[in-house]
Amino acid sequence: MYKVTFLPNAEKSFKNFDRQMQKRIAHKIDWLSEYAEEIVHHPLTSLPDDLRGLCRIRVGDFRIIYWIYTKKKLIKIYEIEHRSKDYRSLKK
């Protein structure tokens, strides 16, 4: 199982969701940490070099944007955002 950490923006986004959506997102993150070695991670494209390697996973109309560090067994949650948001607007 992978350890999960949240960056401040992701934590702030998570707290802004209602309780039901928080449960859905938390369940997906738990699932991701458990099956991280077995699933295909979908990297984002057209990002600046400092954001290279960001991946996404879907929860309804929202996306969890994360980095995965296989050697450290760590998942770092970068942001949780609506699917309509343009990934190219991401900043470090």
N, C-alpha and C. Protein backbone atom coordinates (compact mmCIF):
# COMPACT_ATOMS: atom_id res chain seq x y z
N MET A 1 0.84 -1.18 0.00
CA MET A 1 0.00 0.00 0.00
C MET A 1 0.89 1.25 0.00
N TYR A 2 0.50 2.24 -0.77
CA TYR A 2 1.24 3.48 -0.89
C TYR A 2 0.76 4.49 0.15
N LYS A 3 1.68 5.32 0.62
CA LYS A 3 1.33 6.43 1.51
C LYS A 3 0.80 7.57 0.63
N VAL A 4 -0.17 8.32 1.13
CA VAL A 4 -0.77 9.42 0.38
C VAL A 4 -0.56 10.72 1.15
N THR A 5 -0.09 11.75 0.44
CA THR A 5 0.02 13.08 1.02
C THR A 5 -0.71 14.07 0.12
N PHE A 6 -1.22 15.12 0.71
CA PHE A 6 -1.94 16.16 -0.02
C PHE A 6 -1.11 17.44 -0.03
N LEU A 7 -1.02 18.08 -1.19
CA LEU A 7 -0.47 19.43 -1.23
C LEU A 7 -1.55 20.37 -0.71
N PRO A 8 -1.19 21.57 -0.24
CA PRO A 8 -2.17 22.49 0.36
C PRO A 8 -3.39 22.78 -0.53
N ASN A 9 -3.18 22.98 -1.83
CA ASN A 9 -4.31 23.27 -2.72
C ASN A 9 -5.27 22.10 -2.79
N ALA A 10 -4.75 20.89 -2.83
CA ALA A 10 -5.60 19.71 -2.89
C ALA A 10 -6.40 19.55 -1.60
N GLU A 11 -5.75 19.79 -0.48
CA GLU A 11 -6.43 19.69 0.81
C GLU A 11 -7.55 20.72 0.91
N LYS A 12 -7.27 21.93 0.43
CA LYS A 12 -8.28 22.99 0.45
C LYS A 12 -9.46 22.62 -0.45
N SER A 13 -9.18 22.10 -1.63
CA SER A 13 -10.25 21.67 -2.55
C SER A 13 -11.09 20.58 -1.91
N PHE A 14 -10.42 19.60 -1.29
CA PHE A 14 -11.12 18.49 -0.67
C PHE A 14 -12.08 18.97 0.41
N LYS A 15 -11.64 19.91 1.23
CA LYS A 15 -12.48 20.42 2.32
C LYS A 15 -13.68 21.22 1.81
N ASN A 16 -13.61 21.74 0.59
CA ASN A 16 -14.72 22.51 0.03
C ASN A 16 -15.86 21.65 -0.51
N PHE A 17 -15.64 20.34 -0.67
CA PHE A 17 -16.69 19.45 -1.16
C PHE A 17 -17.66 19.10 -0.04
N ASP A 18 -18.90 18.75 -0.43
CA ASP A 18 -19.84 18.29 0.58
C ASP A 18 -19.42 16.91 1.08
N ARG A 19 -20.01 16.47 2.17
CA ARG A 19 -19.61 15.23 2.86
C ARG A 19 -19.69 14.01 1.93
N GLN A 20 -20.73 13.92 1.12
CA GLN A 20 -20.88 12.77 0.22
C GLN A 20 -19.76 12.72 -0.81
N MET A 21 -19.42 13.85 -1.41
CA MET A 21 -18.35 13.87 -2.40
C MET A 21 -17.00 13.60 -1.74
N GLN A 22 -16.80 14.10 -0.53
CA GLN A 22 -15.56 13.80 0.20
C GLN A 22 -15.40 12.31 0.40
N LYS A 23 -16.49 11.62 0.74
CA LYS A 23 -16.43 10.17 0.93
C LYS A 23 -16.07 9.46 -0.37
N ARG A 24 -16.66 9.91 -1.49
CA ARG A 24 -16.35 9.30 -2.79
C ARG A 24 -14.90 9.50 -3.16
N ILE A 25 -14.40 10.71 -2.96
CA ILE A 25 -13.01 11.02 -3.29
C ILE A 25 -12.06 10.24 -2.37
N ALA A 26 -12.35 10.21 -1.08
CA ALA A 26 -11.51 9.48 -0.13
C ALA A 26 -11.48 7.99 -0.48
N HIS A 27 -12.62 7.44 -0.86
CA HIS A 27 -12.68 6.03 -1.25
C HIS A 27 -11.80 5.78 -2.47
N LYS A 28 -11.85 6.67 -3.45
CA LYS A 28 -11.03 6.51 -4.67
C LYS A 28 -9.54 6.63 -4.35
N ILE A 29 -9.19 7.55 -3.47
CA ILE A 29 -7.78 7.70 -3.07
C ILE A 29 -7.30 6.46 -2.32
N ASP A 30 -8.14 5.92 -1.45
CA ASP A 30 -7.78 4.68 -0.75
C ASP A 30 -7.58 3.55 -1.74
N TRP A 31 -8.48 3.46 -2.71
CA TRP A 31 -8.37 2.44 -3.76
C TRP A 31 -7.07 2.62 -4.55
N LEU A 32 -6.78 3.86 -4.90
CA LEU A 32 -5.56 4.16 -5.65
C LEU A 32 -4.32 3.75 -4.86
N SER A 33 -4.29 4.05 -3.58
CA SER A 33 -3.11 3.69 -2.77
C SER A 33 -2.95 2.19 -2.64
N GLU A 34 -4.05 1.47 -2.66
CA GLU A 34 -3.99 0.01 -2.53
C GLU A 34 -3.58 -0.68 -3.84
N TYR A 35 -4.05 -0.16 -4.96
CA TYR A 35 -3.81 -0.82 -6.25
C TYR A 35 -2.85 -0.06 -7.17
N ALA A 36 -2.07 0.85 -6.61
CA ALA A 36 -1.19 1.71 -7.42
C ALA A 36 -0.22 0.93 -8.30
N GLU A 37 0.24 -0.22 -7.83
CA GLU A 37 1.20 -1.00 -8.62
C GLU A 37 0.54 -1.79 -9.73
N GLU A 38 -0.76 -1.97 -9.67
CA GLU A 38 -1.46 -2.83 -10.61
C GLU A 38 -2.20 -2.08 -11.71
N ILE A 39 -2.47 -0.80 -11.52
CA ILE A 39 -3.28 -0.08 -12.49
C ILE A 39 -2.41 0.73 -13.45
N VAL A 40 -3.02 1.18 -14.53
CA VAL A 40 -2.36 2.05 -15.49
C VAL A 40 -2.61 3.49 -15.06
N HIS A 41 -1.55 4.26 -14.91
CA HIS A 41 -1.67 5.66 -14.54
C HIS A 41 -1.70 6.49 -15.81
N HIS A 42 -2.65 7.41 -15.89
CA HIS A 42 -2.84 8.22 -17.08
C HIS A 42 -2.15 9.57 -16.92
N PRO A 43 -0.96 9.73 -17.51
CA PRO A 43 -0.23 10.99 -17.37
C PRO A 43 -0.89 12.11 -18.18
N LEU A 44 -0.79 13.31 -17.66
CA LEU A 44 -1.28 14.48 -18.37
C LEU A 44 -0.22 14.93 -19.37
N THR A 45 -0.65 15.51 -20.45
CA THR A 45 0.28 15.98 -21.48
C THR A 45 0.23 17.51 -21.55
N SER A 46 1.15 18.08 -22.28
CA SER A 46 1.22 19.53 -22.50
C SER A 46 1.37 20.32 -21.21
N LEU A 47 2.19 19.83 -20.31
CA LEU A 47 2.43 20.52 -19.05
C LEU A 47 3.86 21.05 -19.02
N PRO A 48 4.12 22.09 -18.21
CA PRO A 48 5.50 22.56 -18.05
C PRO A 48 6.38 21.46 -17.45
N ASP A 49 7.67 21.60 -17.63
CA ASP A 49 8.60 20.58 -17.16
C ASP A 49 8.48 20.30 -15.66
N ASP A 50 8.22 21.33 -14.86
CA ASP A 50 8.14 21.11 -13.41
C ASP A 50 6.90 20.32 -12.98
N LEU A 51 5.94 20.16 -13.89
CA LEU A 51 4.74 19.38 -13.58
C LEU A 51 4.70 18.05 -14.33
N ARG A 52 5.75 17.74 -15.04
CA ARG A 52 5.80 16.50 -15.80
C ARG A 52 5.62 15.31 -14.86
N GLY A 53 4.84 14.35 -15.30
CA GLY A 53 4.61 13.16 -14.51
C GLY A 53 3.30 13.17 -13.75
N LEU A 54 2.58 14.30 -13.79
CA LEU A 54 1.27 14.34 -13.14
C LEU A 54 0.33 13.36 -13.83
N CYS A 55 -0.45 12.66 -13.05
CA CYS A 55 -1.43 11.71 -13.57
C CYS A 55 -2.81 12.12 -13.08
N ARG A 56 -3.82 11.47 -13.63
CA ARG A 56 -5.19 11.79 -13.23
C ARG A 56 -5.98 10.50 -13.04
N ILE A 57 -6.98 10.60 -12.19
CA ILE A 57 -7.94 9.52 -12.02
C ILE A 57 -9.30 10.16 -11.80
N ARG A 58 -10.33 9.53 -12.31
CA ARG A 58 -11.66 10.12 -12.34
C ARG A 58 -12.50 9.71 -11.13
N VAL A 59 -13.27 10.69 -10.63
CA VAL A 59 -14.30 10.45 -9.62
C VAL A 59 -15.51 11.25 -10.07
N GLY A 60 -16.43 10.62 -10.76
CA GLY A 60 -17.59 11.33 -11.31
C GLY A 60 -17.13 12.40 -12.27
N ASP A 61 -17.55 13.64 -12.04
CA ASP A 61 -17.18 14.76 -12.90
C ASP A 61 -15.89 15.43 -12.44
N PHE A 62 -15.23 14.86 -11.46
CA PHE A 62 -14.01 15.45 -10.93
C PHE A 62 -12.81 14.58 -11.23
N ARG A 63 -11.64 15.21 -11.20
CA ARG A 63 -10.38 14.51 -11.43
C ARG A 63 -9.45 14.74 -10.25
N ILE A 64 -8.81 13.65 -9.82
CA ILE A 64 -7.77 13.74 -8.81
C ILE A 64 -6.46 13.78 -9.58
N ILE A 65 -5.71 14.84 -9.42
CA ILE A 65 -4.44 15.03 -10.12
C ILE A 65 -3.33 14.68 -9.12
N TYR A 66 -2.43 13.78 -9.51
CA TYR A 66 -1.44 13.28 -8.55
C TYR A 66 -0.13 12.90 -9.24
N TRP A 67 0.92 12.82 -8.41
CA TRP A 67 2.20 12.24 -8.80
C TRP A 67 2.31 10.90 -8.10
N ILE A 68 2.95 9.94 -8.74
CA ILE A 68 3.21 8.66 -8.08
C ILE A 68 4.71 8.42 -8.07
N TYR A 69 5.22 8.08 -6.90
CA TYR A 69 6.64 7.79 -6.72
C TYR A 69 6.75 6.32 -6.34
N THR A 70 7.02 5.46 -7.31
CA THR A 70 7.01 4.02 -7.06
C THR A 70 8.13 3.58 -6.12
N LYS A 71 9.31 4.17 -6.24
CA LYS A 71 10.42 3.76 -5.37
C LYS A 71 10.15 4.11 -3.91
N LYS A 72 9.51 5.24 -3.67
CA LYS A 72 9.20 5.67 -2.31
C LYS A 72 7.85 5.14 -1.81
N LYS A 73 7.09 4.52 -2.72
CA LYS A 73 5.72 4.06 -2.41
C LYS A 73 4.90 5.22 -1.86
N LEU A 74 4.88 6.31 -2.65
CA LEU A 74 4.21 7.53 -2.24
C LEU A 74 3.35 8.07 -3.38
N ILE A 75 2.18 8.54 -3.03
CA ILE A 75 1.30 9.26 -3.96
C ILE A 75 1.10 10.64 -3.38
N LYS A 76 1.38 11.65 -4.18
CA LYS A 76 1.24 13.04 -3.74
C LYS A 76 0.08 13.65 -4.53
N ILE A 77 -0.99 14.01 -3.83
CA ILE A 77 -2.18 14.60 -4.47
C ILE A 77 -1.91 16.08 -4.71
N TYR A 78 -1.94 16.46 -5.98
CA TYR A 78 -1.63 17.84 -6.38
C TYR A 78 -2.88 18.71 -6.35
N GLU A 79 -4.00 18.20 -6.87
CA GLU A 79 -5.21 19.00 -6.98
C GLU A 79 -6.41 18.08 -7.21
N ILE A 80 -7.59 18.55 -6.82
CA ILE A 80 -8.84 17.88 -7.14
C ILE A 80 -9.70 18.94 -7.80
N GLU A 81 -10.08 18.68 -9.05
CA GLU A 81 -10.78 19.73 -9.80
C GLU A 81 -11.83 19.14 -10.72
N HIS A 82 -12.74 19.99 -11.15
CA HIS A 82 -13.80 19.59 -12.07
C HIS A 82 -13.19 19.25 -13.43
N ARG A 83 -13.78 18.31 -14.12
CA ARG A 83 -13.22 17.85 -15.39
C ARG A 83 -13.21 18.93 -16.47
N SER A 84 -14.03 19.95 -16.32
CA SER A 84 -14.07 21.01 -17.33
C SER A 84 -12.87 21.95 -17.26
N LYS A 85 -12.12 21.91 -16.16
CA LYS A 85 -10.96 22.79 -16.01
C LYS A 85 -9.85 22.32 -16.95
N ASP A 86 -9.21 23.25 -17.58
CA ASP A 86 -8.14 22.96 -18.53
C ASP A 86 -6.85 22.62 -17.78
N TYR A 87 -6.30 21.42 -17.99
CA TYR A 87 -5.10 20.99 -17.30
C TYR A 87 -3.90 21.90 -17.59
N ARG A 88 -3.91 22.56 -18.72
CA ARG A 88 -2.77 23.42 -19.07
C ARG A 88 -2.69 24.64 -18.16
N SER A 89 -3.76 24.91 -17.41
CA SER A 89 -3.74 26.04 -16.50
C SER A 89 -3.11 25.69 -15.15
N LEU A 90 -2.68 24.44 -14.99
CA LEU A 90 -2.06 24.03 -13.73
C LEU A 90 -0.73 24.75 -13.54
N LYS A 91 -0.45 25.10 -12.30
CA LYS A 91 0.81 25.75 -11.97
C LYS A 91 1.41 25.01 -10.79
N LYS A 92 2.72 25.11 -10.67
CA LYS A 92 3.38 24.49 -9.52
C LYS A 92 3.44 25.48 -8.38
